[in-house]
Amino acid sequence: MIDKFVHIIRIYFAEAWLSYQGRFAITSPFGYIAGKLGFPFFLMLFFIFMGKYVGFSDPLYIVIGNILLIPASSGMGGVTLAISDERQWGTLSYVLGSPAPRGPVFMGRAFYYIVDGFVTALLGFGIAAGIFGLDLSTVNIFLLMICSLLIAVTSSGLGFLFGSISLVTRDGWMILSTFLSFLYILVGVNFPVASLPMILQKLSWGLPLTRGIMAARLVMEGEGWSSISSLITGEVLVGLVYIFIGYFFFLFLEKRSMHSGTLDAM
């Protein structure tokens, strides 16, 4: 029993490292940093100036929201590309044909993307403190780290879902990119969820990130665990739902793509 558990853990971390290394092996340090911090920074400036244009006078609200979306983007985009690139490079059939159990092979792809997004978000808060005057003196840094890490984990469920879609279509990344654009509207990144029409508010509460971002904002305002515990619990439950849906959807589409002969077809 113990040997089997150790074997699964070894597969999990081996798959995690190979997947992450394969994704960034050809990326220069400058390209990596620009992709992780450059694009989010300029996108943040865009939303700040847009907010000022429409009369939204709290730029730090937008700054915090965009920083909190960094781990989510890493979790979703990294996992989606980790699966779709295997198909594009023609190696997916070898991965799925291995005798390794599907669970650690599938879930392992998220690990380093979660860590990467989490660390990038923490760097983002440090940069925001220096550039935008974000006051972190009253913030419980430990709770902020919990919220940022949780957002990275729960968002990976969406990455599994969109990565699974890429098993049967070449447009998986395009679909995810479109969905990421909607997240700037739906989960309280640039303005409160309460500002949305009621139907979009209901959709927002059914997504990962919404509760995690709200919890992180409360922490930034100096609130403690008692104020965010219900939001954290809800975020965990919603995230687990999406992770399991993504996993079983992956298994379903894997069988379907094998029957239809589209597993490595481009």
Protein backbone atom coordinates (compact mmCIF):
# COMPACT_ATOMS: atom_id res chain seq x y z
CA MET A 1 0.00 0.00 0.00
CA ILE A 2 2.78 2.39 0.98
CA ASP A 3 4.83 1.44 -2.11
CA LYS A 4 1.84 2.14 -4.34
CA PHE A 5 1.31 5.54 -2.72
CA VAL A 6 5.00 6.44 -3.12
CA HIS A 7 4.81 5.33 -6.76
CA ILE A 8 1.82 7.60 -7.41
CA ILE A 9 3.53 10.57 -5.72
CA ARG A 10 6.69 9.98 -7.76
CA ILE A 11 4.68 9.91 -11.00
CA TYR A 12 2.83 13.07 -9.95
CA PHE A 13 5.96 15.15 -9.42
CA ALA A 14 7.81 13.64 -12.39
CA GLU A 15 4.88 14.51 -14.65
CA ALA A 16 4.66 17.97 -13.10
CA TRP A 17 8.33 18.74 -13.71
CA LEU A 18 8.48 17.33 -17.24
CA SER A 19 5.33 19.16 -18.26
CA TYR A 20 6.51 22.49 -16.88
CA GLN A 21 10.06 22.13 -18.19
CA GLY A 22 8.78 21.17 -21.63
CA ARG A 23 6.59 24.24 -21.73
CA PHE A 24 9.33 26.77 -20.85
CA ALA A 25 12.48 24.98 -22.06
CA ILE A 26 12.84 27.21 -25.12
CA THR A 27 11.87 30.45 -23.36
CA SER A 28 14.58 32.98 -22.52
CA PRO A 29 14.60 34.61 -19.05
CA PHE A 30 13.52 37.91 -20.62
CA GLY A 31 10.65 36.27 -22.49
CA TYR A 32 9.56 34.45 -19.36
CA ILE A 33 9.55 37.59 -17.19
CA ALA A 34 7.88 39.67 -19.89
CA GLY A 35 5.15 37.10 -20.31
CA LYS A 36 4.58 36.71 -16.57
CA LEU A 37 4.77 40.34 -15.48
CA GLY A 38 4.98 42.57 -18.56
CA PHE A 39 1.67 41.75 -20.20
CA PRO A 40 -0.35 41.79 -16.92
CA PHE A 41 1.25 45.12 -15.96
CA PHE A 42 0.33 46.92 -19.19
CA LEU A 43 -3.13 45.35 -19.19
CA MET A 44 -3.54 46.65 -15.65
CA LEU A 45 -2.60 50.17 -16.80
CA PHE A 46 -5.16 49.89 -19.59
CA PHE A 47 -7.96 49.10 -17.14
CA ILE A 48 -6.80 51.82 -14.72
CA PHE A 49 -7.02 54.51 -17.40
CA MET A 50 -10.30 53.11 -18.67
CA GLY A 51 -11.65 53.21 -15.10
CA LYS A 52 -10.62 56.85 -14.74
CA TYR A 53 -12.30 57.65 -18.07
CA VAL A 54 -15.65 56.27 -16.89
CA GLY A 55 -15.33 57.88 -13.45
CA PHE A 56 -14.08 54.93 -11.38
CA SER A 57 -11.84 56.70 -8.87
CA ASP A 58 -10.25 53.71 -7.07
CA PRO A 59 -7.31 52.50 -9.18
CA LEU A 60 -6.06 50.21 -6.39
CA TYR A 61 -9.24 48.15 -6.73
CA ILE A 62 -8.26 47.44 -10.34
CA VAL A 63 -4.60 46.88 -9.42
CA ILE A 64 -5.46 44.27 -6.78
CA GLY A 65 -7.96 42.51 -9.05
CA ASN A 66 -5.52 42.22 -11.93
CA ILE A 67 -2.77 40.89 -9.67
CA LEU A 68 -5.13 38.25 -8.28
CA LEU A 69 -5.96 37.14 -11.81
CA ILE A 70 -2.28 36.32 -12.50
CA PRO A 71 -2.28 32.97 -10.62
CA ALA A 72 -5.62 32.12 -12.22
CA SER A 73 -4.29 32.81 -15.72
CA SER A 74 -1.22 30.70 -14.99
CA GLY A 75 -3.27 27.80 -13.67
CA MET A 76 -5.77 27.84 -16.52
CA GLY A 77 -3.46 28.68 -19.40
CA GLY A 78 -0.60 26.44 -18.27
CA VAL A 79 -2.71 23.33 -17.80
CA THR A 80 -4.63 23.89 -21.03
CA LEU A 81 -1.42 24.29 -23.03
CA ALA A 82 0.23 21.36 -21.25
CA ILE A 83 -2.50 19.10 -22.61
CA SER A 84 -3.08 20.72 -26.01
CA ASP A 85 0.63 20.95 -26.83
CA GLU A 86 1.00 17.19 -26.34
CA ARG A 87 -1.62 16.74 -29.03
CA GLN A 88 -0.03 19.35 -31.30
CA TRP A 89 3.42 17.78 -31.01
CA GLY A 90 2.04 14.28 -31.60
CA THR A 91 3.15 12.93 -28.22
CA LEU A 92 -0.26 12.66 -26.53
CA SER A 93 -0.81 9.05 -27.60
CA TYR A 94 2.48 8.04 -25.93
CA VAL A 95 1.48 9.78 -22.71
CA LEU A 96 -1.95 8.18 -22.64
CA GLY A 97 -0.56 4.82 -23.73
CA SER A 98 1.76 4.60 -20.74
CA PRO A 99 0.82 2.22 -17.89
CA ALA A 100 0.90 5.08 -15.37
CA PRO A 101 -2.44 5.82 -13.63
CA ARG A 102 -4.38 8.71 -15.17
CA GLY A 103 -4.86 10.62 -11.90
CA PRO A 104 -1.25 11.67 -11.16
CA VAL A 105 -0.45 12.07 -14.87
CA PHE A 106 -3.39 14.41 -15.34
CA MET A 107 -3.27 16.29 -12.03
CA GLY A 108 0.51 16.56 -12.03
CA ARG A 109 0.42 18.95 -14.95
CA ALA A 110 -1.02 21.65 -12.72
CA PHE A 111 1.51 21.62 -9.88
CA TYR A 112 4.29 23.89 -11.16
CA TYR A 113 1.83 26.19 -12.91
CA ILE A 114 0.08 26.68 -9.58
CA VAL A 115 3.39 27.44 -7.83
CA ASP A 116 4.48 29.69 -10.69
CA GLY A 117 1.26 31.72 -10.64
CA PHE A 118 1.34 31.98 -6.85
CA VAL A 119 4.92 33.33 -6.78
CA THR A 120 4.21 35.72 -9.65
CA ALA A 121 1.19 37.13 -7.78
CA LEU A 122 3.31 37.77 -4.69
CA LEU A 123 5.86 39.58 -6.85
CA GLY A 124 2.99 41.55 -8.35
CA PHE A 125 1.91 42.76 -4.91
CA GLY A 126 5.46 43.88 -4.18
CA ILE A 127 5.67 45.77 -7.47
CA ALA A 128 2.24 47.35 -6.88
CA ALA A 129 3.40 48.52 -3.44
CA GLY A 130 6.37 50.29 -5.04
CA ILE A 131 4.67 51.75 -8.12
CA PHE A 132 1.06 52.35 -7.10
CA GLY A 133 1.58 52.94 -3.37
CA LEU A 134 -0.31 49.83 -2.29
CA ASP A 135 -0.23 49.80 1.51
CA LEU A 136 0.62 46.33 2.86
CA SER A 137 1.41 47.41 6.42
CA THR A 138 -1.96 46.32 7.84
CA VAL A 139 -2.34 43.23 5.67
CA ASN A 140 -2.12 39.72 7.07
CA ILE A 141 0.44 38.43 4.56
CA PHE A 142 -0.16 34.80 5.52
CA LEU A 143 -3.89 35.05 4.74
CA LEU A 144 -3.11 36.89 1.51
CA MET A 145 -0.78 34.04 0.51
CA ILE A 146 -3.52 31.51 1.30
CA CYS A 147 -5.99 33.39 -0.91
CA SER A 148 -3.51 33.71 -3.79
CA LEU A 149 -2.55 30.04 -3.62
CA LEU A 150 -6.19 28.98 -3.42
CA ILE A 151 -7.04 31.01 -6.51
CA ALA A 152 -4.21 29.32 -8.41
CA VAL A 153 -5.43 25.86 -7.35
CA THR A 154 -9.15 26.33 -8.02
CA SER A 155 -8.56 27.95 -11.40
CA SER A 156 -6.62 24.86 -12.53
CA GLY A 157 -9.97 23.06 -12.66
CA LEU A 158 -10.94 25.33 -15.55
CA GLY A 159 -7.56 24.56 -17.13
CA PHE A 160 -8.34 20.84 -16.98
CA LEU A 161 -11.73 21.51 -18.54
CA PHE A 162 -10.41 23.57 -21.46
CA GLY A 163 -7.42 21.27 -21.86
CA SER A 164 -9.83 18.36 -22.23
CA ILE A 165 -11.68 20.24 -24.94
CA SER A 166 -8.40 20.52 -26.84
CA LEU A 167 -8.41 16.72 -27.19
CA VAL A 168 -11.18 16.97 -29.77
CA THR A 169 -10.61 20.41 -31.28
CA ARG A 170 -7.70 22.58 -32.38
CA ASP A 171 -9.40 25.65 -30.91
CA GLY A 172 -8.97 24.83 -27.22
CA TRP A 173 -6.56 27.72 -26.62
CA MET A 174 -8.77 30.14 -28.55
CA ILE A 175 -11.77 29.13 -26.45
CA LEU A 176 -9.77 29.62 -23.25
CA SER A 177 -8.50 33.05 -24.37
CA THR A 178 -12.07 34.17 -24.99
CA PHE A 179 -13.11 32.86 -21.59
CA LEU A 180 -10.21 34.68 -19.89
CA SER A 181 -11.52 37.91 -21.37
CA PHE A 182 -14.91 37.22 -19.79
CA LEU A 183 -13.24 36.69 -16.41
CA TYR A 184 -12.21 40.35 -16.35
CA ILE A 185 -15.93 41.08 -16.29
CA LEU A 186 -17.41 38.20 -14.32
CA VAL A 187 -15.30 37.58 -11.20
CA GLY A 188 -14.81 41.06 -9.77
CA VAL A 189 -11.41 41.90 -11.20
CA ASN A 190 -12.05 45.48 -12.32
CA PHE A 191 -15.40 46.25 -10.64
CA PRO A 192 -17.58 44.60 -7.99
CA VAL A 193 -19.68 41.57 -8.89
CA ALA A 194 -22.69 43.43 -7.43
CA SER A 195 -22.45 45.87 -10.37
CA LEU A 196 -23.31 43.10 -12.85
CA PRO A 197 -26.83 42.26 -14.05
CA MET A 198 -28.47 39.63 -11.86
CA ILE A 199 -28.06 36.79 -14.38
CA LEU A 200 -24.31 37.49 -14.65
CA GLN A 201 -24.03 37.67 -10.86
CA LYS A 202 -25.45 34.16 -10.61
CA LEU A 203 -23.00 32.99 -13.28
CA SER A 204 -20.15 34.66 -11.39
CA TRP A 205 -20.98 32.86 -8.13
CA GLY A 206 -20.85 29.56 -10.00
CA LEU A 207 -17.25 30.14 -11.10
CA PRO A 208 -13.96 29.63 -9.27
CA LEU A 209 -12.05 32.83 -8.40
CA THR A 210 -15.07 34.96 -7.44
CA ARG A 211 -15.02 34.06 -3.75
CA GLY A 212 -11.23 33.82 -3.64
CA ILE A 213 -10.82 37.34 -5.05
CA MET A 214 -13.43 38.70 -2.63
CA ALA A 215 -11.62 37.04 0.27
CA ALA A 216 -8.27 38.49 -0.84
CA ARG A 217 -9.80 41.97 -1.08
CA LEU A 218 -11.10 41.67 2.49
CA VAL A 219 -7.63 40.64 3.64
CA MET A 220 -6.18 43.67 1.85
CA GLU A 221 -8.61 45.80 3.87
CA GLY A 222 -7.23 44.37 7.10
CA GLU A 223 -9.89 41.73 7.80
CA GLY A 224 -9.05 38.47 9.53
CA TRP A 225 -9.91 34.80 9.13
CA SER A 226 -13.41 35.10 10.61
CA SER A 227 -14.42 37.47 7.81
CA ILE A 228 -13.19 35.30 4.96
CA SER A 229 -13.70 31.72 6.22
CA SER A 230 -17.06 31.26 4.48
CA LEU A 231 -15.67 32.64 1.22
CA ILE A 232 -12.62 30.37 1.45
CA THR A 233 -14.82 27.32 2.12
CA GLY A 234 -17.02 28.16 -0.85
CA GLU A 235 -14.00 28.67 -3.10
CA VAL A 236 -12.58 25.29 -2.10
CA LEU A 237 -15.87 23.51 -2.82
CA VAL A 238 -16.40 25.20 -6.20
CA GLY A 239 -12.78 24.55 -7.18
CA LEU A 240 -13.05 20.85 -6.32
CA VAL A 241 -16.21 20.56 -8.40
CA TYR A 242 -14.44 22.01 -11.46
CA ILE A 243 -11.33 19.88 -10.93
CA PHE A 244 -13.40 16.68 -10.82
CA ILE A 245 -15.53 17.77 -13.77
CA GLY A 246 -12.37 18.52 -15.75
CA TYR A 247 -10.83 15.16 -14.82
CA PHE A 248 -13.85 13.04 -15.76
CA PHE A 249 -14.45 15.13 -18.87
CA PHE A 250 -10.83 14.36 -19.82
CA LEU A 251 -11.45 10.62 -19.39
CA PHE A 252 -14.64 10.84 -21.45
CA LEU A 253 -13.06 12.77 -24.32
CA GLU A 254 -9.99 10.55 -24.24
CA LYS A 255 -12.16 7.50 -24.96
CA ARG A 256 -14.17 9.38 -27.56
CA SER A 257 -11.08 10.68 -29.38
CA MET A 258 -9.59 7.17 -29.46
CA HIS A 259 -12.76 5.76 -31.00
CA SER A 260 -12.99 8.57 -33.55
CA GLY A 261 -9.24 8.50 -34.38
CA THR A 262 -8.77 12.19 -33.56
CA LEU A 263 -6.39 11.80 -30.62
CA ASP A 264 -3.34 13.13 -32.47
CA ALA A 265 -5.14 14.45 -35.56
CA MET A 266 -4.55 18.11 -36.31
